[in-house]
Structures are given as C-alpha cells and as structure tokens.
Amino acid sequence: MTNLTLALDAMGGDYGPRITVPAALQALRLYSFLNFYLVGNKTDIEKYLSQVESDVLRRIEIIHTTEVVTMSDRPAHALRNRKQSSMRLAIELVRDGKAQACLSAGNTGALMAMSKVLLKTLPGIDRPALVSCLPAVNKTPVYLLDLGANVSCCSETLFQFAVMGSVLCEAVDKNRSPKVALLNVGIEEIKGNDQVQQAGQLLQQSPQINYTGFIEGNDLFSGRVDVIVCDGFVGNITLKTSEGIARLLVHQLEKGLTKGFFVRLMAKMIAPRINSVLNQMNPDHYNGASLIGLRGIVVKSHGSADESAYLQAISLAVTEAQRRLPQMIEERLESILLDINN
C-alpha cells in the first residue's frame, strides 16, 4: 500500500485535541501506511502523545499554530482573518500537495469558504456540497446532499449537486445508472418552491442522469433511490433530525433490554443480532461528510463527535484519498456536462 498523508485540523470541533489526537493515533495503528500532519497548538497536542510508541510517533508531524476558527466565526470573517488557523493551514497542506486529504470538525461554513478559495472547484461546478451516506432498508447506501455547506441554493446549484451525486454513486458504488431524486414536500410535480421545480425541469432534460422525480422525507431510508438532493438548510435539518431519532431508538432499545429476567435472558441469546441492529442505527457509525466538487479532498466531521465517531471520519478520508475521488468525479462530470451543454 502506498503511503498516505492526511492533514488534520486538531483544534476543530467541540473537544479539539482531546478527541482528534487519540482518534488519529487509533487510525495510525489501524493503517500502517498512514501519516498525519496534526495542525494546532503544539503544547495541547503533545499532551496526548507522551505515552505513544515510537513507530507511531514517527508518522506524525505537528504544524504549530495558536489561531483557531471558532464556531461563531462567519465564513467571510474566517476567510479574511484566520489565515494562520489550524483549519486553513490543514487545507493549504492539501493545496500544496503535502497531504492527500484534510479533515476538520470545525465551523462548516468556514471550511467550505476556505476550501473553495484554496482548492478551487471542478470545471462546471460553482459550489461544493457536503454529502454523506444514509442507511437504507435494502442495505445499499443512499447519498444525501447538501448537508449544510450551502444554506440557500438556486435551481442550477441543485442541478449541479444532482450531477455530482450521481457521478459519486456511479464512481464509488459502480452503479451505472443511480436513481436521483429531489427532496420535496410532495411527489406531485406542482409541489415545492420555484428552485426545486426548476431543478426538476433541468434534470428531466438531462439524459445521462436517471432522474426519478421528487421524494418525501418519509422515503429517505427506503432505498427507493440512490441519491437525494436538497439545499443545505433542508439537508442539515434532515440529517440532524434523523440522527436524533436514531439515538432515541437506540436508547429506548437498550433501556428495554435491561427490564425483566426473561427479556435479559433473551437479549443474551440474541446479543450478536441486537448489537448488529444497534450499530446500524447508531449515527456515529456514519460520521463524516465529504465536501465534493473541489479539486482536493476535504472531509467534515461532526463537531460533537467522540473518539470512535471521529475515527469513522478519518477512515472516510483514507478511503476517498485511496480512490482519488476528485479525479474520478471530474472525468465523469466532464462527459455529462458536455452532453448537457450540447
């Protein structure tokens, strides 16, 4: 396996190095080919490296900075005034070819703004989008985008998201004709705002996109389609609501399995199956969203991610770097957009 280097915004998220550094150490032990730039306050980072074995330490380089993008920073402010922040320096390592991907749990808007300016978008793409997988009843991944990078989108932007989502599904899952739908308040053609209706019309005129029409929120996990498109406002609320419901169900199921002797006995007998169900429902197992449409790889973790969830985001960054995802998307995208423009 060829060596791979990730740039990690060690200060991002609700917990900073307390979560990001131990998760990085887990990843280094899991992937022997992996190296890290840990970008952030050197003193804070080194607190978690004192007991680490030497062969792991050799694969870490600390890039020291004391500047951090806060969760309250507006994207434009962060772009202008946080030029020595851990987030920006991590993205610059990708831009300069020193790292194959970067990962941050920090401010989503700032991450999008910095990534767009520093890495640039692919030809034919105006704005990058956050995309992640949802579990589905048929066990095939369902890609949802945008998840919060673009709160307000015009019909053309939604159309571009649909194209990117289709290309992503085709490239990663080898799905030759992924089904694409727009998330809407109803499946009828007359439903929805102007942006969604106009995006639907654009997709209907695109023969290379297998557009199936509108889809409602209660069909998110049905597996009926492969790609679901919406603006970042709707997508973020949809994702967070889904995760909240999943955590509630996991909690209620775990709580129920502790009540009564016979229930506990049955739980022990079917423990592997129960654990499998709980793992499928646990949103931490799906942590990590890709900022696609860029010329480099950027992965966003939940700000509240624990060590296990953050490791999932690192694993996603590793997978995308191995696949050289931007190059895969660009090659397929060029053909689709050329066909559409003609």
Protein backbone atom coordinates (compact mmCIF):
# COMPACT_ATOMS: atom_id res chain seq x y z
CA MET A 1 0.00 0.00 0.00
CA THR A 2 1.34 3.44 -0.98
CA ASN A 3 1.90 5.81 1.92
CA LEU A 4 -0.93 8.26 2.53
CA THR A 5 -0.81 11.56 4.42
CA LEU A 6 -3.78 13.32 5.98
CA ALA A 7 -3.83 16.87 7.32
CA LEU A 8 -5.92 17.06 10.47
CA ASP A 9 -7.35 20.23 11.98
CA ALA A 10 -6.54 19.10 15.51
CA MET A 11 -8.26 22.08 17.15
CA GLY A 12 -11.61 21.76 15.36
CA GLY A 13 -14.80 20.55 16.96
CA ASP A 14 -16.25 20.77 20.44
CA TYR A 15 -13.37 18.95 22.12
CA GLY A 16 -10.27 19.67 19.99
CA PRO A 17 -7.13 17.59 20.67
CA ARG A 18 -8.83 15.59 23.44
CA ILE A 19 -10.74 13.75 20.69
CA THR A 20 -8.86 14.43 17.46
CA VAL A 21 -5.40 13.28 18.60
CA PRO A 22 -6.41 9.94 20.22
CA ALA A 23 -8.58 9.18 17.17
CA ALA A 24 -5.59 9.91 14.91
CA LEU A 25 -3.45 7.56 16.99
CA GLN A 26 -6.06 4.83 16.60
CA ALA A 27 -6.01 5.37 12.84
CA LEU A 28 -2.21 5.15 12.72
CA ARG A 29 -2.32 1.79 14.48
CA LEU A 30 -5.09 0.63 12.16
CA TYR A 31 -3.46 1.77 8.90
CA SER A 32 0.26 1.06 8.68
CA PHE A 33 0.59 3.18 5.52
CA LEU A 34 -0.94 6.31 7.09
CA ASN A 35 0.82 9.52 8.16
CA PHE A 36 -0.56 12.66 9.78
CA TYR A 37 0.05 16.36 9.89
CA LEU A 38 -1.56 17.43 13.17
CA VAL A 39 -2.24 21.14 12.84
CA GLY A 40 -2.82 23.13 16.01
CA ASN A 41 -1.35 24.21 19.33
CA LYS A 42 1.75 22.06 19.81
CA THR A 43 1.52 22.09 23.62
CA ASP A 44 -2.10 20.94 23.58
CA ILE A 45 -1.39 18.22 21.03
CA GLU A 46 1.68 16.84 22.78
CA LYS A 47 -0.31 16.20 25.97
CA TYR A 48 -1.76 13.16 24.22
CA LEU A 49 1.50 11.89 22.71
CA SER A 50 3.62 11.30 25.83
CA GLN A 51 2.90 7.56 26.09
CA VAL A 52 2.80 6.77 22.38
CA GLU A 53 5.11 4.15 20.88
CA SER A 54 7.98 5.46 18.76
CA ASP A 55 6.97 3.79 15.49
CA VAL A 56 3.62 5.63 15.63
CA LEU A 57 5.20 8.97 16.60
CA ARG A 58 7.47 8.80 13.57
CA ARG A 59 4.40 9.08 11.34
CA ILE A 60 3.22 12.32 12.95
CA GLU A 61 4.34 15.86 12.19
CA ILE A 62 2.93 18.73 14.22
CA ILE A 63 2.30 22.04 12.47
CA HIS A 64 2.13 24.58 15.28
CA THR A 65 -0.40 27.39 15.36
CA THR A 66 -2.40 29.03 18.12
CA GLU A 67 -5.08 30.50 15.87
CA VAL A 68 -8.42 28.69 15.66
CA VAL A 69 -11.61 29.19 13.64
CA THR A 70 -14.41 29.40 16.20
CA MET A 71 -17.90 28.04 15.67
CA SER A 72 -19.25 31.61 15.81
CA ASP A 73 -16.93 32.96 13.09
CA ARG A 74 -18.76 33.99 9.96
CA PRO A 75 -17.28 32.32 6.83
CA ALA A 76 -16.17 35.63 5.26
CA HIS A 77 -14.54 36.75 8.52
CA ALA A 78 -12.73 33.43 8.91
CA LEU A 79 -11.52 33.60 5.32
CA ARG A 80 -10.09 37.11 5.75
CA ASN A 81 -8.85 36.99 9.32
CA ARG A 82 -7.98 33.36 10.21
CA LYS A 83 -5.08 32.88 7.81
CA GLN A 84 -2.94 31.11 10.40
CA SER A 85 -5.75 28.99 11.80
CA SER A 86 -5.44 25.24 12.16
CA MET A 87 -8.29 24.76 9.67
CA ARG A 88 -6.75 26.92 6.95
CA LEU A 89 -3.24 25.50 7.35
CA ALA A 90 -4.65 21.97 7.06
CA ILE A 91 -6.38 22.85 3.78
CA GLU A 92 -3.21 24.52 2.49
CA LEU A 93 -1.31 21.26 3.03
CA VAL A 94 -3.71 19.62 0.56
CA ARG A 95 -3.43 22.54 -1.84
CA ASP A 96 0.36 22.32 -1.77
CA GLY A 97 0.37 18.56 -2.38
CA LYS A 98 1.82 17.68 1.02
CA ALA A 99 -1.33 15.85 2.12
CA GLN A 100 -3.83 13.85 0.09
CA ALA A 101 -6.84 14.89 2.19
CA CYS A 102 -7.75 17.05 5.15
CA LEU A 103 -10.24 16.57 7.95
CA SER A 104 -11.91 19.06 10.26
CA ALA A 105 -14.71 19.03 12.83
CA GLY A 106 -14.81 22.82 12.87
CA ASN A 107 -17.09 25.54 11.51
CA THR A 108 -18.81 24.15 8.39
CA GLY A 109 -19.28 27.50 6.65
CA ALA A 110 -15.67 28.50 7.18
CA LEU A 111 -14.46 25.09 5.99
CA MET A 112 -16.48 25.43 2.81
CA ALA A 113 -15.35 29.00 2.14
CA MET A 114 -11.67 28.27 2.72
CA SER A 115 -11.76 25.05 0.72
CA LYS A 116 -13.44 26.72 -2.24
CA VAL A 117 -10.91 29.57 -2.33
CA LEU A 118 -7.79 27.49 -1.67
CA LEU A 119 -8.58 24.30 -3.59
CA LYS A 120 -10.95 25.66 -6.27
CA THR A 121 -13.95 23.82 -7.67
CA LEU A 122 -14.00 21.33 -10.51
CA PRO A 123 -14.83 22.62 -14.02
CA GLY A 124 -18.57 23.19 -14.36
CA ILE A 125 -19.19 23.30 -10.60
CA ASP A 126 -19.99 26.61 -8.90
CA ARG A 127 -20.21 25.47 -5.28
CA PRO A 128 -19.04 22.37 -3.42
CA ALA A 129 -21.57 20.33 -1.46
CA LEU A 130 -21.42 18.25 1.70
CA VAL A 131 -22.51 14.68 1.07
CA SER A 132 -22.82 11.65 3.29
CA CYS A 133 -24.40 8.22 3.24
CA LEU A 134 -27.63 7.26 4.96
CA PRO A 135 -28.50 3.68 5.88
CA ALA A 136 -31.38 2.13 3.94
CA VAL A 137 -33.65 -0.87 4.42
CA ASN A 138 -32.11 -2.66 1.44
CA LYS A 139 -28.58 -2.09 2.86
CA THR A 140 -27.44 -0.05 -0.13
CA PRO A 141 -26.02 3.41 0.64
CA VAL A 142 -28.17 6.45 -0.06
CA TYR A 143 -26.25 9.67 -0.74
CA LEU A 144 -27.77 12.87 0.66
CA LEU A 145 -26.52 16.33 -0.36
CA ASP A 146 -26.19 19.17 0.53
CA LEU A 147 -25.86 18.75 4.30
CA GLY A 148 -25.23 22.35 5.29
CA ALA A 149 -22.46 23.88 3.21
CA ASN A 150 -24.93 25.89 1.13
CA VAL A 151 -27.97 27.06 3.09
CA SER A 152 -29.63 28.68 0.09
CA CYS A 153 -29.39 27.24 -3.44
CA CYS A 154 -30.71 28.23 -6.85
CA SER A 155 -32.06 25.64 -9.27
CA GLU A 156 -28.76 25.49 -11.18
CA THR A 157 -26.85 24.72 -8.00
CA LEU A 158 -29.31 21.95 -7.08
CA PHE A 159 -28.89 20.59 -10.59
CA GLN A 160 -25.10 20.53 -10.18
CA PHE A 161 -25.48 18.75 -6.84
CA ALA A 162 -27.61 16.11 -8.55
CA VAL A 163 -24.97 15.61 -11.23
CA MET A 164 -22.19 15.32 -8.64
CA GLY A 165 -24.23 12.93 -6.50
CA SER A 166 -24.95 10.75 -9.49
CA VAL A 167 -21.30 10.71 -10.53
CA LEU A 168 -20.20 9.95 -6.96
CA CYS A 169 -22.57 7.00 -6.67
CA GLU A 170 -21.54 5.73 -10.08
CA ALA A 171 -17.83 6.05 -9.34
CA VAL A 172 -17.81 4.66 -5.80
CA ASP A 173 -20.53 2.01 -5.92
CA LYS A 174 -20.11 1.07 -9.59
CA ASN A 175 -23.78 1.85 -10.11
CA ARG A 176 -24.16 2.51 -13.82
CA SER A 177 -27.48 4.32 -13.54
CA PRO A 178 -28.05 5.63 -10.00
CA LYS A 179 -31.57 6.86 -9.29
CA VAL A 180 -31.62 10.56 -8.38
CA ALA A 181 -34.45 12.40 -6.63
CA LEU A 182 -35.10 15.89 -5.26
CA LEU A 183 -36.28 16.11 -1.65
CA ASN A 184 -39.61 17.93 -1.62
CA VAL A 185 -42.82 18.45 0.33
CA GLY A 186 -44.68 16.13 -2.02
CA ILE A 187 -44.12 13.90 -5.04
CA GLU A 188 -46.54 15.77 -7.33
CA GLU A 189 -44.99 17.99 -10.00
CA ILE A 190 -46.87 21.05 -8.73
CA LYS A 191 -45.38 20.75 -5.22
CA GLY A 192 -42.35 22.65 -3.90
CA ASN A 193 -40.76 26.07 -4.31
CA ASP A 194 -39.54 27.53 -7.59
CA GLN A 195 -35.95 26.39 -7.09
CA VAL A 196 -36.90 22.73 -6.62
CA GLN A 197 -39.39 22.75 -9.51
CA GLN A 198 -36.90 24.39 -11.89
CA ALA A 199 -34.15 21.98 -10.84
CA GLY A 200 -36.53 19.13 -11.62
CA GLN A 201 -37.12 20.53 -15.09
CA LEU A 202 -33.37 20.77 -15.70
CA LEU A 203 -32.86 17.17 -14.60
CA GLN A 204 -35.70 15.94 -16.82
CA GLN A 205 -33.78 17.39 -19.79
CA SER A 206 -30.56 15.56 -18.86
CA PRO A 207 -30.47 12.09 -20.47
CA GLN A 208 -27.34 10.96 -18.62
CA ILE A 209 -28.98 11.49 -15.21
CA ASN A 210 -31.51 8.87 -14.10
CA TYR A 211 -33.84 11.39 -12.50
CA THR A 212 -36.89 9.80 -10.87
CA GLY A 213 -38.69 12.94 -9.66
CA PHE A 214 -39.49 14.18 -6.15
CA ILE A 215 -39.15 12.22 -2.93
CA GLU A 216 -40.63 12.97 0.50
CA GLY A 217 -38.91 12.78 3.87
CA ASN A 218 -40.64 9.56 4.87
CA ASP A 219 -38.90 7.80 1.98
CA LEU A 220 -35.35 8.82 2.95
CA PHE A 221 -34.35 5.37 4.18
CA SER A 222 -36.47 3.28 1.82
CA GLY A 223 -33.64 2.61 -0.64
CA ARG A 224 -36.00 3.56 -3.46
CA VAL A 225 -33.41 5.97 -4.84
CA ASP A 226 -29.62 6.19 -4.65
CA VAL A 227 -29.10 9.98 -4.48
CA ILE A 228 -31.28 12.56 -2.72
CA VAL A 229 -30.69 16.26 -3.41
CA CYS A 230 -31.71 19.33 -1.40
CA ASP A 231 -30.28 22.64 -0.25
CA GLY A 232 -28.06 22.77 2.84
CA PHE A 233 -30.76 24.21 5.09
CA VAL A 234 -33.12 21.32 4.45
CA GLY A 235 -30.32 18.76 4.35
CA ASN A 236 -28.79 19.74 7.66
CA ILE A 237 -32.11 19.69 9.49
CA THR A 238 -32.97 16.36 7.85
CA LEU A 239 -29.68 14.80 8.89
CA LYS A 240 -29.74 16.10 12.46
CA THR A 241 -33.36 15.05 12.94
CA SER A 242 -32.63 11.57 11.60
CA GLU A 243 -29.64 11.22 13.92
CA GLY A 244 -31.69 12.37 16.90
CA ILE A 245 -34.40 9.80 16.17
CA ALA A 246 -31.77 7.07 15.72
CA ARG A 247 -30.19 7.89 19.08
CA LEU A 248 -33.62 7.86 20.72
CA LEU A 249 -34.39 4.42 19.28
CA VAL A 250 -31.00 3.06 20.34
CA HIS A 251 -31.52 4.41 23.86
CA GLN A 252 -35.04 3.03 24.12
CA LEU A 253 -33.98 -0.37 22.82
CA GLU A 254 -31.02 -0.61 25.17
CA LYS A 255 -33.20 0.51 28.07
CA GLY A 256 -35.88 -2.03 27.23
CA LEU A 257 -33.39 -4.88 27.13
CA THR A 258 -32.47 -4.35 30.78
CA LYS A 259 -36.00 -4.82 32.11
CA GLY A 260 -37.15 -8.21 33.33
CA PHE A 261 -35.34 -11.52 33.73
CA PHE A 262 -36.72 -13.18 30.62
CA VAL A 263 -36.02 -10.12 28.47
CA ARG A 264 -32.41 -10.05 29.68
CA LEU A 265 -32.11 -13.80 29.05
CA MET A 266 -33.44 -13.44 25.51
CA ALA A 267 -31.17 -10.45 24.93
CA LYS A 268 -28.13 -12.54 25.84
CA MET A 269 -29.21 -15.31 23.48
CA ILE A 270 -29.61 -12.96 20.52
CA ALA A 271 -26.88 -10.48 21.53
CA PRO A 272 -24.99 -10.57 18.19
CA ARG A 273 -28.14 -9.71 16.25
CA ILE A 274 -29.09 -6.98 18.71
CA ASN A 275 -25.62 -5.44 18.50
CA SER A 276 -25.83 -5.51 14.73
CA VAL A 277 -29.14 -3.63 14.80
CA LEU A 278 -27.81 -1.08 17.30
CA ASN A 279 -24.71 -0.50 15.19
CA GLN A 280 -26.79 0.08 12.06
CA MET A 281 -28.93 2.61 13.91
CA ASN A 282 -26.04 4.43 15.60
CA PRO A 283 -25.36 7.65 13.63
CA ASP A 284 -21.76 7.76 14.90
CA HIS A 285 -21.03 4.90 12.52
CA TYR A 286 -21.86 7.23 9.63
CA ASN A 287 -19.86 10.22 10.84
CA GLY A 288 -18.02 12.10 8.14
CA ALA A 289 -19.29 14.09 5.18
CA SER A 290 -17.32 14.77 2.02
CA LEU A 291 -17.10 18.26 0.55
CA ILE A 292 -17.35 17.22 -3.09
CA GLY A 293 -16.92 19.38 -6.16
CA LEU A 294 -13.43 20.51 -5.11
CA ARG A 295 -10.08 19.75 -6.70
CA GLY A 296 -8.94 18.24 -3.40
CA ILE A 297 -10.40 16.02 -0.69
CA VAL A 298 -11.97 17.65 2.37
CA VAL A 299 -13.93 15.68 4.98
CA LYS A 300 -16.11 17.25 7.66
CA SER A 301 -16.73 15.51 10.98
CA HIS A 302 -19.49 16.34 13.42
CA GLY A 303 -18.28 18.93 15.90
CA SER A 304 -19.62 16.80 18.77
CA ALA A 305 -18.03 13.56 17.54
CA ASP A 306 -16.46 11.30 20.14
CA GLU A 307 -13.25 9.38 19.52
CA SER A 308 -14.98 6.46 17.82
CA ALA A 309 -17.06 8.69 15.56
CA TYR A 310 -14.05 10.82 14.65
CA LEU A 311 -12.17 7.66 13.68
CA GLN A 312 -15.01 6.92 11.25
CA ALA A 313 -14.44 10.30 9.60
CA ILE A 314 -10.71 9.60 9.34
CA SER A 315 -11.48 6.26 7.69
CA LEU A 316 -13.70 8.04 5.17
CA ALA A 317 -10.87 10.45 4.32
CA VAL A 318 -8.50 7.50 3.86
CA THR A 319 -10.96 5.74 1.54
CA GLU A 320 -11.55 8.82 -0.59
CA ALA A 321 -7.84 9.55 -0.88
CA GLN A 322 -7.19 5.99 -1.99
CA ARG A 323 -9.89 6.27 -4.65
CA ARG A 324 -8.63 9.69 -5.79
CA LEU A 325 -12.26 10.79 -5.67
CA PRO A 326 -11.94 14.31 -7.23
CA GLN A 327 -10.25 12.84 -10.31
CA MET A 328 -12.95 10.18 -10.62
CA ILE A 329 -15.71 12.77 -10.37
CA GLU A 330 -14.03 15.19 -12.79
CA GLU A 331 -13.62 12.56 -15.50
CA ARG A 332 -17.27 11.51 -15.41
CA LEU A 333 -18.53 15.03 -14.83
CA GLU A 334 -16.89 16.36 -17.97
CA SER A 335 -18.80 13.91 -20.15
CA ILE A 336 -22.17 14.64 -18.51
CA LEU A 337 -21.84 18.42 -18.60
CA LEU A 338 -20.62 18.36 -22.22
CA ASP A 339 -23.67 16.33 -23.20
CA ILE A 340 -25.98 18.70 -21.32
CA ASN A 341 -24.46 21.85 -22.84
CA ASN A 342 -24.79 20.43 -26.31
